[in-house]
Amino acid sequence: MAKKKKVITTKLKARKGTHGDYIENFRVIQNLKATMKDSVNWEQLPLEQKESLEMIAVKVGRVLSGDFDVADHWEDIEGYSHLISQDL
Protein backbone atom coordinates (compact mmCIF):
# COMPACT_ATOMS: atom_id res chain seq x y z
CA MET A 1 0.00 0.00 0.00
CA ALA A 2 2.87 2.41 0.73
CA LYS A 3 4.25 1.91 -2.78
CA LYS A 4 0.86 2.73 -4.33
CA LYS A 5 0.58 5.86 -2.17
CA LYS A 6 4.05 6.97 -3.32
CA VAL A 7 3.08 6.43 -6.98
CA ILE A 8 -0.09 8.47 -6.54
CA THR A 9 1.77 11.25 -4.71
CA THR A 10 4.40 11.39 -7.45
CA LYS A 11 1.75 11.50 -10.16
CA LEU A 12 -0.19 14.26 -8.36
CA LYS A 13 2.95 16.39 -8.03
CA ALA A 14 3.67 16.01 -11.73
CA ARG A 15 0.07 16.83 -12.66
CA LYS A 16 0.13 19.94 -10.48
CA GLY A 17 2.81 21.27 -12.81
CA THR A 18 0.82 20.61 -15.97
CA HIS A 19 -2.76 20.87 -14.70
CA GLY A 20 -2.33 23.46 -11.94
CA ASP A 21 -3.57 23.44 -8.36
CA TYR A 22 -6.62 21.21 -8.30
CA ILE A 23 -8.79 23.58 -6.24
CA GLU A 24 -8.09 26.49 -8.62
CA ASN A 25 -8.52 24.19 -11.61
CA PHE A 26 -11.89 22.90 -10.41
CA ARG A 27 -13.03 26.45 -9.60
CA VAL A 28 -12.28 27.59 -13.14
CA ILE A 29 -13.82 24.48 -14.71
CA GLN A 30 -17.01 24.69 -12.66
CA ASN A 31 -17.39 28.38 -13.52
CA LEU A 32 -16.98 27.60 -17.22
CA LYS A 33 -19.53 24.78 -17.04
CA ALA A 34 -22.01 26.96 -15.13
CA THR A 35 -21.71 29.64 -17.81
CA MET A 36 -22.29 27.08 -20.56
CA LYS A 37 -25.32 25.62 -18.80
CA ASP A 38 -26.75 29.12 -18.34
CA SER A 39 -26.77 29.73 -22.11
CA VAL A 40 -29.94 29.82 -24.19
CA ASN A 41 -28.94 26.80 -26.31
CA TRP A 42 -27.68 24.41 -23.63
CA GLU A 43 -30.90 22.43 -23.22
CA GLN A 44 -31.27 21.96 -26.98
CA LEU A 45 -27.79 20.55 -27.51
CA PRO A 46 -27.44 16.81 -28.13
CA LEU A 47 -25.72 14.89 -25.32
CA GLU A 48 -22.51 14.38 -27.32
CA GLN A 49 -22.19 18.13 -27.91
CA LYS A 50 -22.79 18.87 -24.22
CA GLU A 51 -20.20 16.31 -23.19
CA SER A 52 -17.65 17.57 -25.70
CA LEU A 53 -18.13 21.13 -24.48
CA GLU A 54 -17.74 19.99 -20.87
CA MET A 55 -14.54 18.12 -21.73
CA ILE A 56 -13.27 21.19 -23.58
CA ALA A 57 -14.02 23.20 -20.41
CA VAL A 58 -11.80 20.79 -18.45
CA LYS A 59 -8.97 21.30 -20.92
CA VAL A 60 -9.46 25.08 -20.93
CA GLY A 61 -9.37 24.97 -17.13
CA ARG A 62 -6.01 23.21 -17.30
CA VAL A 63 -4.70 25.83 -19.71
CA LEU A 64 -5.87 28.65 -17.44
CA SER A 65 -4.74 27.04 -14.18
CA GLY A 66 -1.70 25.01 -15.13
CA ASP A 67 0.97 24.99 -17.80
CA PHE A 68 -0.57 26.63 -20.86
CA ASP A 69 2.27 25.36 -23.06
CA VAL A 70 1.34 21.69 -22.70
CA ALA A 71 0.40 20.60 -26.21
CA ASP A 72 -1.82 17.79 -24.91
CA HIS A 73 -4.34 20.31 -23.51
CA TRP A 74 -4.67 21.98 -26.90
CA GLU A 75 -4.71 18.70 -28.81
CA ASP A 76 -7.53 17.42 -26.61
CA ILE A 77 -9.56 20.59 -27.27
CA GLU A 78 -8.97 20.06 -30.98
CA GLY A 79 -9.92 16.40 -30.69
CA TYR A 80 -13.25 16.98 -28.94
CA SER A 81 -14.13 19.69 -31.48
CA HIS A 82 -13.13 17.42 -34.35
CA LEU A 83 -15.33 14.57 -33.11
CA ILE A 84 -18.38 16.82 -33.15
CA SER A 85 -17.54 18.42 -36.48
CA GLN A 86 -17.27 14.95 -38.05
CA ASP A 87 -20.85 14.21 -36.96
CA LEU A 88 -22.27 17.47 -38.33
PDB file of N, CA and C in Angstrom:
ATOM      1  N   MET A   1       0.817  -1.191   0.000  1.00  0.00           N
ATOM      2  CA  MET A   1       0.000   0.000   0.000  1.00  0.00           C
ATOM      3  C   MET A   1       0.864   1.259   0.000  1.00  0.00           C
ATOM      4  N   ALA A   2       1.989   1.240   0.680  1.00  0.00           N
ATOM      5  CA  ALA A   2       2.868   2.407   0.732  1.00  0.00           C
ATOM      6  C   ALA A   2       3.429   2.735  -0.647  1.00  0.00           C
ATOM      7  N   LYS A   3       3.732   1.696  -1.434  1.00  0.00           N
ATOM      8  CA  LYS A   3       4.253   1.912  -2.782  1.00  0.00           C
ATOM      9  C   LYS A   3       3.195   2.603  -3.652  1.00  0.00           C
ATOM     10  N   LYS A   4       1.947   2.133  -3.550  1.00  0.00           N
ATOM     11  CA  LYS A   4       0.861   2.730  -4.330  1.00  0.00           C
ATOM     12  C   LYS A   4       0.671   4.197  -3.935  1.00  0.00           C
ATOM     13  N   LYS A   5       0.745   4.489  -2.645  1.00  0.00           N
ATOM     14  CA  LYS A   5       0.585   5.862  -2.173  1.00  0.00           C
ATOM     15  C   LYS A   5       1.701   6.748  -2.720  1.00  0.00           C
ATOM     16  N   LYS A   6       2.917   6.213  -2.785  1.00  0.00           N
ATOM     17  CA  LYS A   6       4.047   6.973  -3.323  1.00  0.00           C
ATOM     18  C   LYS A   6       3.845   7.250  -4.812  1.00  0.00           C
ATOM     19  N   VAL A   7       3.339   6.266  -5.552  1.00  0.00           N
ATOM     20  CA  VAL A   7       3.083   6.431  -6.983  1.00  0.00           C
ATOM     21  C   VAL A   7       2.031   7.517  -7.196  1.00  0.00           C
ATOM     22  N   ILE A   8       0.975   7.470  -6.414  1.00  0.00           N
ATOM     23  CA  ILE A   8      -0.089   8.472  -6.541  1.00  0.00           C
ATOM     24  C   ILE A   8       0.441   9.859  -6.190  1.00  0.00           C
ATOM     25  N   THR A   9       1.198   9.965  -5.125  1.00  0.00           N
ATOM     26  CA  THR A   9       1.767  11.246  -4.711  1.00  0.00           C
ATOM     27  C   THR A   9       2.686  11.809  -5.781  1.00  0.00           C
ATOM     28  N   THR A  10       3.507  10.965  -6.375  1.00  0.00           N
ATOM     29  CA  THR A  10       4.404  11.393  -7.448  1.00  0.00           C
ATOM     30  C   THR A  10       3.603  11.875  -8.659  1.00  0.00           C
ATOM     31  N   LYS A  11       2.578  11.128  -9.015  1.00  0.00           N
ATOM     32  CA  LYS A  11       1.745  11.502 -10.155  1.00  0.00           C
ATOM     33  C   LYS A  11       1.031  12.825  -9.900  1.00  0.00           C
ATOM     34  N   LEU A  12       0.508  13.010  -8.692  1.00  0.00           N
ATOM     35  CA  LEU A  12      -0.190  14.256  -8.358  1.00  0.00           C
ATOM     36  C   LEU A  12       0.751  15.460  -8.403  1.00  0.00           C
ATOM     37  N   LYS A  13       1.973  15.290  -7.958  1.00  0.00           N
ATOM     38  CA  LYS A  13       2.949  16.389  -8.029  1.00  0.00           C
ATOM     39  C   LYS A  13       3.254  16.753  -9.475  1.00  0.00           C
ATOM     40  N   ALA A  14       3.393  15.753 -10.315  1.00  0.00           N
ATOM     41  CA  ALA A  14       3.665  16.006 -11.734  1.00  0.00           C
ATOM     42  C   ALA A  14       2.466  16.695 -12.387  1.00  0.00           C
ATOM     43  N   ARG A  15       1.279  16.245 -12.074  1.00  0.00           N
ATOM     44  CA  ARG A  15       0.068  16.826 -12.658  1.00  0.00           C
ATOM     45  C   ARG A  15      -0.136  18.265 -12.190  1.00  0.00           C
ATOM     46  N   LYS A  16       0.274  18.571 -10.964  1.00  0.00           N
ATOM     47  CA  LYS A  16       0.128  19.945 -10.484  1.00  0.00           C
ATOM     48  C   LYS A  16       0.902  20.898 -11.389  1.00  0.00           C
ATOM     49  N   GLY A  17       2.021  20.441 -11.914  1.00  0.00           N
ATOM     50  CA  GLY A  17       2.811  21.269 -12.810  1.00  0.00           C
ATOM     51  C   GLY A  17       2.142  21.491 -14.150  1.00  0.00           C
ATOM     52  N   THR A  18       1.466  20.477 -14.657  1.00  0.00           N
ATOM     53  CA  THR A  18       0.824  20.613 -15.967  1.00  0.00           C
ATOM     54  C   THR A  18      -0.635  21.052 -15.872  1.00  0.00           C
ATOM     55  N   HIS A  19      -1.323  20.612 -14.826  1.00  0.00           N
ATOM     56  CA  HIS A  19      -2.757  20.873 -14.702  1.00  0.00           C
ATOM     57  C   HIS A  19      -3.071  22.015 -13.739  1.00  0.00           C
ATOM     58  N   GLY A  20      -2.110  22.405 -12.927  1.00  0.00           N
ATOM     59  CA  GLY A  20      -2.327  23.455 -11.938  1.00  0.00           C
ATOM     60  C   GLY A  20      -2.863  22.907 -10.629  1.00  0.00           C
ATOM     61  N   ASP A  21      -3.005  23.793  -9.663  1.00  0.00           N
ATOM     62  CA  ASP A  21      -3.569  23.440  -8.363  1.00  0.00           C
ATOM     63  C   ASP A  21      -5.005  22.952  -8.564  1.00  0.00           C
ATOM     64  N   TYR A  22      -5.335  21.812  -7.986  1.00  0.00           N
ATOM     65  CA  TYR A  22      -6.624  21.208  -8.304  1.00  0.00           C
ATOM     66  C   TYR A  22      -7.806  22.043  -7.822  1.00  0.00           C
ATOM     67  N   ILE A  23      -7.687  22.734  -6.717  1.00  0.00           N
ATOM     68  CA  ILE A  23      -8.786  23.581  -6.241  1.00  0.00           C
ATOM     69  C   ILE A  23      -9.019  24.732  -7.221  1.00  0.00           C
ATOM     70  N   GLU A  24      -7.963  25.393  -7.649  1.00  0.00           N
ATOM     71  CA  GLU A  24      -8.088  26.485  -8.623  1.00  0.00           C
ATOM     72  C   GLU A  24      -8.604  25.938  -9.945  1.00  0.00           C
ATOM     73  N   ASN A  25      -8.091  24.808 -10.358  1.00  0.00           N
ATOM     74  CA  ASN A  25      -8.521  24.193 -11.608  1.00  0.00           C
ATOM     75  C   ASN A  25     -10.013  23.887 -11.569  1.00  0.00           C
ATOM     76  N   PHE A  26     -10.471  23.256 -10.514  1.00  0.00           N
ATOM     77  CA  PHE A  26     -11.888  22.902 -10.407  1.00  0.00           C
ATOM     78  C   PHE A  26     -12.763  24.145 -10.341  1.00  0.00           C
ATOM     79  N   ARG A  27     -12.281  25.202  -9.677  1.00  0.00           N
ATOM     80  CA  ARG A  27     -13.031  26.453  -9.596  1.00  0.00           C
ATOM     81  C   ARG A  27     -13.249  27.016 -11.001  1.00  0.00           C
ATOM     82  N   VAL A  28     -12.182  27.074 -11.780  1.00  0.00           N
ATOM     83  CA  VAL A  28     -12.276  27.595 -13.145  1.00  0.00           C
ATOM     84  C   VAL A  28     -13.205  26.720 -13.983  1.00  0.00           C
ATOM     85  N   ILE A  29     -13.012  25.415 -13.914  1.00  0.00           N
ATOM     86  CA  ILE A  29     -13.821  24.485 -14.714  1.00  0.00           C
ATOM     87  C   ILE A  29     -15.297  24.591 -14.355  1.00  0.00           C
ATOM     88  N   GLN A  30     -15.613  24.611 -13.065  1.00  0.00           N
ATOM     89  CA  GLN A  30     -17.012  24.690 -12.660  1.00  0.00           C
ATOM     90  C   GLN A  30     -17.646  26.008 -13.078  1.00  0.00           C
ATOM     91  N   ASN A  31     -16.876  27.095 -13.046  1.00  0.00           N
ATOM     92  CA  ASN A  31     -17.394  28.383 -13.519  1.00  0.00           C
ATOM     93  C   ASN A  31     -17.665  28.346 -15.022  1.00  0.00           C
ATOM     94  N   LEU A  32     -16.766  27.731 -15.777  1.00  0.00           N
ATOM     95  CA  LEU A  32     -16.981  27.601 -17.221  1.00  0.00           C
ATOM     96  C   LEU A  32     -18.225  26.772 -17.512  1.00  0.00           C
ATOM     97  N   LYS A  33     -18.368  25.649 -16.823  1.00  0.00           N
ATOM     98  CA  LYS A  33     -19.528  24.783 -17.040  1.00  0.00           C
ATOM     99  C   LYS A  33     -20.824  25.484 -16.649  1.00  0.00           C
ATOM    100  N   ALA A  34     -20.808  26.238 -15.551  1.00  0.00           N
ATOM    101  CA  ALA A  34     -22.013  26.961 -15.133  1.00  0.00           C
ATOM    102  C   ALA A  34     -22.414  27.986 -16.182  1.00  0.00           C
ATOM    103  N   THR A  35     -21.432  28.664 -16.761  1.00  0.00           N
ATOM    104  CA  THR A  35     -21.714  29.640 -17.812  1.00  0.00           C
ATOM    105  C   THR A  35     -22.313  28.954 -19.033  1.00  0.00           C
ATOM    106  N   MET A  36     -21.754  27.812 -19.411  1.00  0.00           N
ATOM    107  CA  MET A  36     -22.291  27.081 -20.559  1.00  0.00           C
ATOM    108  C   MET A  36     -23.730  26.647 -20.301  1.00  0.00           C
ATOM    109  N   LYS A  37     -23.990  26.129 -19.117  1.00  0.00           N
ATOM    110  CA  LYS A  37     -25.322  25.624 -18.796  1.00  0.00           C
ATOM    111  C   LYS A  37     -26.348  26.744 -18.652  1.00  0.00           C
ATOM    112  N   ASP A  38     -25.868  27.959 -18.467  1.00  0.00           N
ATOM    113  CA  ASP A  38     -26.745  29.116 -18.342  1.00  0.00           C
ATOM    114  C   ASP A  38     -27.073  29.740 -19.698  1.00  0.00           C
ATOM    115  N   SER A  39     -26.549  29.178 -20.766  1.00  0.00           N
ATOM    116  CA  SER A  39     -26.771  29.734 -22.106  1.00  0.00           C
ATOM    117  C   SER A  39     -28.146  29.337 -22.646  1.00  0.00           C
ATOM    118  N   VAL A  40     -28.608  30.077 -23.631  1.00  0.00           N
ATOM    119  CA  VAL A  40     -29.938  29.819 -24.189  1.00  0.00           C
ATOM    120  C   VAL A  40     -30.014  28.512 -24.968  1.00  0.00           C
ATOM    121  N   ASN A  41     -28.909  28.006 -25.486  1.00  0.00           N
ATOM    122  CA  ASN A  41     -28.937  26.796 -26.311  1.00  0.00           C
ATOM    123  C   ASN A  41     -28.622  25.508 -25.562  1.00  0.00           C
ATOM    124  N   TRP A  42     -28.179  25.593 -24.324  1.00  0.00           N
ATOM    125  CA  TRP A  42     -27.678  24.408 -23.628  1.00  0.00           C
ATOM    126  C   TRP A  42     -28.682  23.252 -23.657  1.00  0.00           C
ATOM    127  N   GLU A  43     -29.913  23.512 -23.322  1.00  0.00           N
ATOM    128  CA  GLU A  43     -30.904  22.426 -23.221  1.00  0.00           C
ATOM    129  C   GLU A  43     -31.212  21.785 -24.570  1.00  0.00           C
ATOM    130  N   GLN A  44     -30.987  22.499 -25.657  1.00  0.00           N
ATOM    131  CA  GLN A  44     -31.273  21.955 -26.982  1.00  0.00           C
ATOM    132  C   GLN A  44     -30.114  21.135 -27.554  1.00  0.00           C
ATOM    133  N   LEU A  45     -28.952  21.266 -26.976  1.00  0.00           N
ATOM    134  CA  LEU A  45     -27.788  20.549 -27.506  1.00  0.00           C
ATOM    135  C   LEU A  45     -27.931  19.037 -27.325  1.00  0.00           C
ATOM    136  N   PRO A  46     -27.504  18.263 -28.309  1.00  0.00           N
ATOM    137  CA  PRO A  46     -27.443  16.807 -28.128  1.00  0.00           C
ATOM    138  C   PRO A  46     -26.417  16.451 -27.040  1.00  0.00           C
ATOM    139  N   LEU A  47     -26.601  15.307 -26.420  1.00  0.00           N
ATOM    140  CA  LEU A  47     -25.716  14.887 -25.321  1.00  0.00           C
ATOM    141  C   LEU A  47     -24.240  14.896 -25.709  1.00  0.00           C
ATOM    142  N   GLU A  48     -23.924  14.438 -26.926  1.00  0.00           N
ATOM    143  CA  GLU A  48     -22.511  14.376 -27.318  1.00  0.00           C
ATOM    144  C   GLU A  48     -21.911  15.774 -27.441  1.00  0.00           C
ATOM    145  N   GLN A  49     -22.701  16.762 -27.839  1.00  0.00           N
ATOM    146  CA  GLN A  49     -22.192  18.127 -27.915  1.00  0.00           C
ATOM    147  C   GLN A  49     -22.005  18.712 -26.511  1.00  0.00           C
ATOM    148  N   LYS A  50     -22.942  18.426 -25.611  1.00  0.00           N
ATOM    149  CA  LYS A  50     -22.792  18.872 -24.221  1.00  0.00           C
ATOM    150  C   LYS A  50     -21.526  18.278 -23.606  1.00  0.00           C
ATOM    151  N   GLU A  51     -21.364  16.980 -23.786  1.00  0.00           N
ATOM    152  CA  GLU A  51     -20.201  16.312 -23.189  1.00  0.00           C
ATOM    153  C   GLU A  51     -18.901  16.828 -23.774  1.00  0.00           C
ATOM    154  N   SER A  52     -18.863  17.035 -25.079  1.00  0.00           N
ATOM    155  CA  SER A  52     -17.651  17.570 -25.701  1.00  0.00           C
ATOM    156  C   SER A  52     -17.334  18.958 -25.171  1.00  0.00           C
ATOM    157  N   LEU A  53     -18.352  19.798 -25.031  1.00  0.00           N
ATOM    158  CA  LEU A  53     -18.130  21.132 -24.477  1.00  0.00           C
ATOM    159  C   LEU A  53     -17.643  21.068 -23.029  1.00  0.00           C
ATOM    160  N   GLU A  54     -18.192  20.138 -22.255  1.00  0.00           N
ATOM    161  CA  GLU A  54     -17.736  19.989 -20.873  1.00  0.00           C
ATOM    162  C   GLU A  54     -16.285  19.498 -20.811  1.00  0.00           C
ATOM    163  N   MET A  55     -15.929  18.583 -21.700  1.00  0.00           N
ATOM    164  CA  MET A  55     -14.536  18.118 -21.735  1.00  0.00           C
ATOM    165  C   MET A  55     -13.602  19.231 -22.197  1.00  0.00           C
ATOM    166  N   ILE A  56     -14.058  20.034 -23.136  1.00  0.00           N
ATOM    167  CA  ILE A  56     -13.266  21.188 -23.577  1.00  0.00           C
ATOM    168  C   ILE A  56     -13.090  22.152 -22.409  1.00  0.00           C
ATOM    169  N   ALA A  57     -14.131  22.331 -21.593  1.00  0.00           N
ATOM    170  CA  ALA A  57     -14.022  23.198 -20.412  1.00  0.00           C
ATOM    171  C   ALA A  57     -12.945  22.682 -19.456  1.00  0.00           C
ATOM    172  N   VAL A  58     -12.853  21.376 -19.306  1.00  0.00           N
ATOM    173  CA  VAL A  58     -11.805  20.790 -18.451  1.00  0.00           C
ATOM    174  C   VAL A  58     -10.429  21.142 -19.003  1.00  0.00           C
ATOM    175  N   LYS A  59     -10.271  21.006 -20.302  1.00  0.00           N
ATOM    176  CA  LYS A  59      -8.973  21.297 -20.923  1.00  0.00           C
ATOM    177  C   LYS A  59      -8.657  22.789 -20.847  1.00  0.00           C
ATOM    178  N   VAL A  60      -9.662  23.638 -21.054  1.00  0.00           N
ATOM    179  CA  VAL A  60      -9.458  25.080 -20.931  1.00  0.00           C
ATOM    180  C   VAL A  60      -9.077  25.421 -19.489  1.00  0.00           C
ATOM    181  N   GLY A  61      -9.721  24.765 -18.539  1.00  0.00           N
ATOM    182  CA  GLY A  61      -9.369  24.967 -17.132  1.00  0.00           C
ATOM    183  C   GLY A  61      -7.917  24.634 -16.853  1.00  0.00           C
ATOM    184  N   ARG A  62      -7.424  23.584 -17.477  1.00  0.00           N
ATOM    185  CA  ARG A  62      -6.015  23.210 -17.298  1.00  0.00           C
ATOM    186  C   ARG A  62      -5.093  24.241 -17.927  1.00  0.00           C
ATOM    187  N   VAL A  63      -5.496  24.780 -19.065  1.00  0.00           N
ATOM    188  CA  VAL A  63      -4.696  25.829 -19.711  1.00  0.00           C
ATOM    189  C   VAL A  63      -4.648  27.060 -18.810  1.00  0.00           C
ATOM    190  N   LEU A  64      -5.783  27.432 -18.244  1.00  0.00           N
ATOM    191  CA  LEU A  64      -5.869  28.647 -17.443  1.00  0.00           C
ATOM    192  C   LEU A  64      -5.283  28.494 -16.047  1.00  0.00           C
ATOM    193  N   SER A  65      -5.221  27.264 -15.545  1.00  0.00           N
ATOM    194  CA  SER A  65      -4.743  27.040 -14.181  1.00  0.00           C
ATOM    195  C   SER A  65      -3.358  26.420 -14.100  1.00  0.00           C
ATOM    196  N   GLY A  66      -2.965  25.734 -15.159  1.00  0.00           N
ATOM    197  CA  GLY A  66      -1.698  25.008 -15.129  1.00  0.00           C
ATOM    198  C   GLY A  66      -0.723  25.539 -16.154  1.00  0.00           C
ATOM    199  N   ASP A  67      -0.029  24.636 -16.791  1.00  0.00           N
ATOM    200  CA  ASP A  67       0.966  24.992 -17.801  1.00  0.00           C
ATOM    201  C   ASP A  67       0.266  25.138 -19.152  1.00  0.00           C
ATOM    202  N   PHE A  68       0.148  26.366 -19.611  1.00  0.00           N
ATOM    203  CA  PHE A  68      -0.568  26.633 -20.863  1.00  0.00           C
ATOM    204  C   PHE A  68       0.203  26.212 -22.093  1.00  0.00           C
ATOM    205  N   ASP A  69       1.457  25.815 -21.932  1.00  0.00           N
ATOM    206  CA  ASP A  69       2.269  25.364 -23.063  1.00  0.00           C
ATOM    207  C   ASP A  69       2.298  23.844 -23.220  1.00  0.00           C
ATOM    208  N   VAL A  70       1.416  23.141 -22.536  1.00  0.00           N
ATOM    209  CA  VAL A  70       1.336  21.687 -22.696  1.00  0.00           C
ATOM    210  C   VAL A  70       0.472  21.399 -23.924  1.00  0.00           C
ATOM    211  N   ALA A  71       1.095  20.848 -24.944  1.00  0.00           N
ATOM    212  CA  ALA A  71       0.401  20.603 -26.211  1.00  0.00           C
ATOM    213  C   ALA A  71      -0.805  19.682 -26.035  1.00  0.00           C
ATOM    214  N   ASP A  72      -0.733  18.748 -25.112  1.00  0.00           N
ATOM    215  CA  ASP A  72      -1.816  17.794 -24.906  1.00  0.00           C
ATOM    216  C   ASP A  72      -3.142  18.490 -24.589  1.00  0.00           C
ATOM    217  N   HIS A  73      -3.099  19.571 -23.810  1.00  0.00           N
ATOM    218  CA  HIS A  73      -4.340  20.305 -23.507  1.00  0.00           C
ATOM    219  C   HIS A  73      -4.983  20.796 -24.796  1.00  0.00           C
ATOM    220  N   TRP A  74      -4.182  21.405 -25.648  1.00  0.00           N
ATOM    221  CA  TRP A  74      -4.673  21.979 -26.903  1.00  0.00           C
ATOM    222  C   TRP A  74      -5.100  20.895 -27.892  1.00  0.00           C
ATOM    223  N   GLU A  75      -4.361  19.801 -27.920  1.00  0.00           N
ATOM    224  CA  GLU A  75      -4.713  18.697 -28.812  1.00  0.00           C
ATOM    225  C   GLU A  75      -6.031  18.055 -28.395  1.00  0.00           C
ATOM    226  N   ASP A  76      -6.267  17.969 -27.085  1.00  0.00           N
ATOM    227  CA  ASP A  76      -7.534  17.417 -26.609  1.00  0.00           C
ATOM    228  C   ASP A  76      -8.702  18.324 -26.987  1.00  0.00           C
ATOM    229  N   ILE A  77      -8.518  19.647 -26.860  1.00  0.00           N
ATOM    230  CA  ILE A  77      -9.559  20.590 -27.273  1.00  0.00           C
ATOM    231  C   ILE A  77      -9.864  20.392 -28.755  1.00  0.00           C
ATOM    232  N   GLU A  78      -8.811  20.297 -29.541  1.00  0.00           N
ATOM    233  CA  GLU A  78      -8.968  20.064 -30.979  1.00  0.00           C
ATOM    234  C   GLU A  78      -9.696  18.742 -31.240  1.00  0.00           C
ATOM    235  N   GLY A  79      -9.327  17.727 -30.497  1.00  0.00           N
ATOM    236  CA  GLY A  79      -9.915  16.403 -30.689  1.00  0.00           C
ATOM    237  C   GLY A  79     -11.402  16.372 -30.399  1.00  0.00           C
ATOM    238  N   TYR A  80     -11.822  16.963 -29.276  1.00  0.00           N
ATOM    239  CA  TYR A  80     -13.250  16.981 -28.944  1.00  0.00           C
ATOM    240  C   TYR A  80     -14.034  17.791 -29.965  1.00  0.00           C
ATOM    241  N   SER A  81     -13.472  18.892 -30.436  1.00  0.00           N
ATOM    242  CA  SER A  81     -14.127  19.688 -31.477  1.00  0.00           C
ATOM    243  C   SER A  81     -14.228  18.898 -32.776  1.00  0.00           C
ATOM    244  N   HIS A  82     -13.166  18.202 -33.106  1.00  0.00           N
ATOM    245  CA  HIS A  82     -13.133  17.424 -34.346  1.00  0.00           C
ATOM    246  C   HIS A  82     -14.190  16.306 -34.331  1.00  0.00           C
ATOM    247  N   LEU A  83     -14.334  15.641 -33.198  1.00  0.00           N
ATOM    248  CA  LEU A  83     -15.331  14.570 -33.107  1.00  0.00           C
ATOM    249  C   LEU A  83     -16.725  15.093 -33.419  1.00  0.00           C
ATOM    250  N   ILE A  84     -17.053  16.258 -32.887  1.00  0.00           N
ATOM    251  CA  ILE A  84     -18.380  16.824 -33.150  1.00  0.00           C
ATOM    252  C   ILE A  84     -18.491  17.271 -34.602  1.00  0.00           C
ATOM    253  N   SER A  85     -17.460  17.931 -35.102  1.00  0.00           N
ATOM    254  CA  SER A  85     -17.542  18.422 -36.481  1.00  0.00           C
ATOM    255  C   SER A  85     -17.683  17.283 -37.487  1.00  0.00           C
ATOM    256  N   GLN A  86     -17.123  16.116 -37.169  1.00  0.00           N
ATOM    257  CA  GLN A  86     -17.270  14.949 -38.047  1.00  0.00           C
ATOM    258  C   GLN A  86     -18.722  14.492 -38.116  1.00  0.00           C
ATOM    259  N   ASP A  87     -19.445  14.653 -37.011  1.00  0.00           N
ATOM    260  CA  ASP A  87     -20.846  14.212 -36.956  1.00  0.00           C
ATOM    261  C   ASP A  87     -21.808  15.201 -37.618  1.00  0.00           C
ATOM    262  N   LEU A  88     -21.359  16.439 -37.813  1.00  0.00           N
ATOM    263  CA  LEU A  88     -22.274  17.465 -38.333  1.00  0.00           C
ATOM    264  C   LEU A  88     -22.370  17.436 -39.847  1.00  0.00           C
TER     265      LEU A  88
END
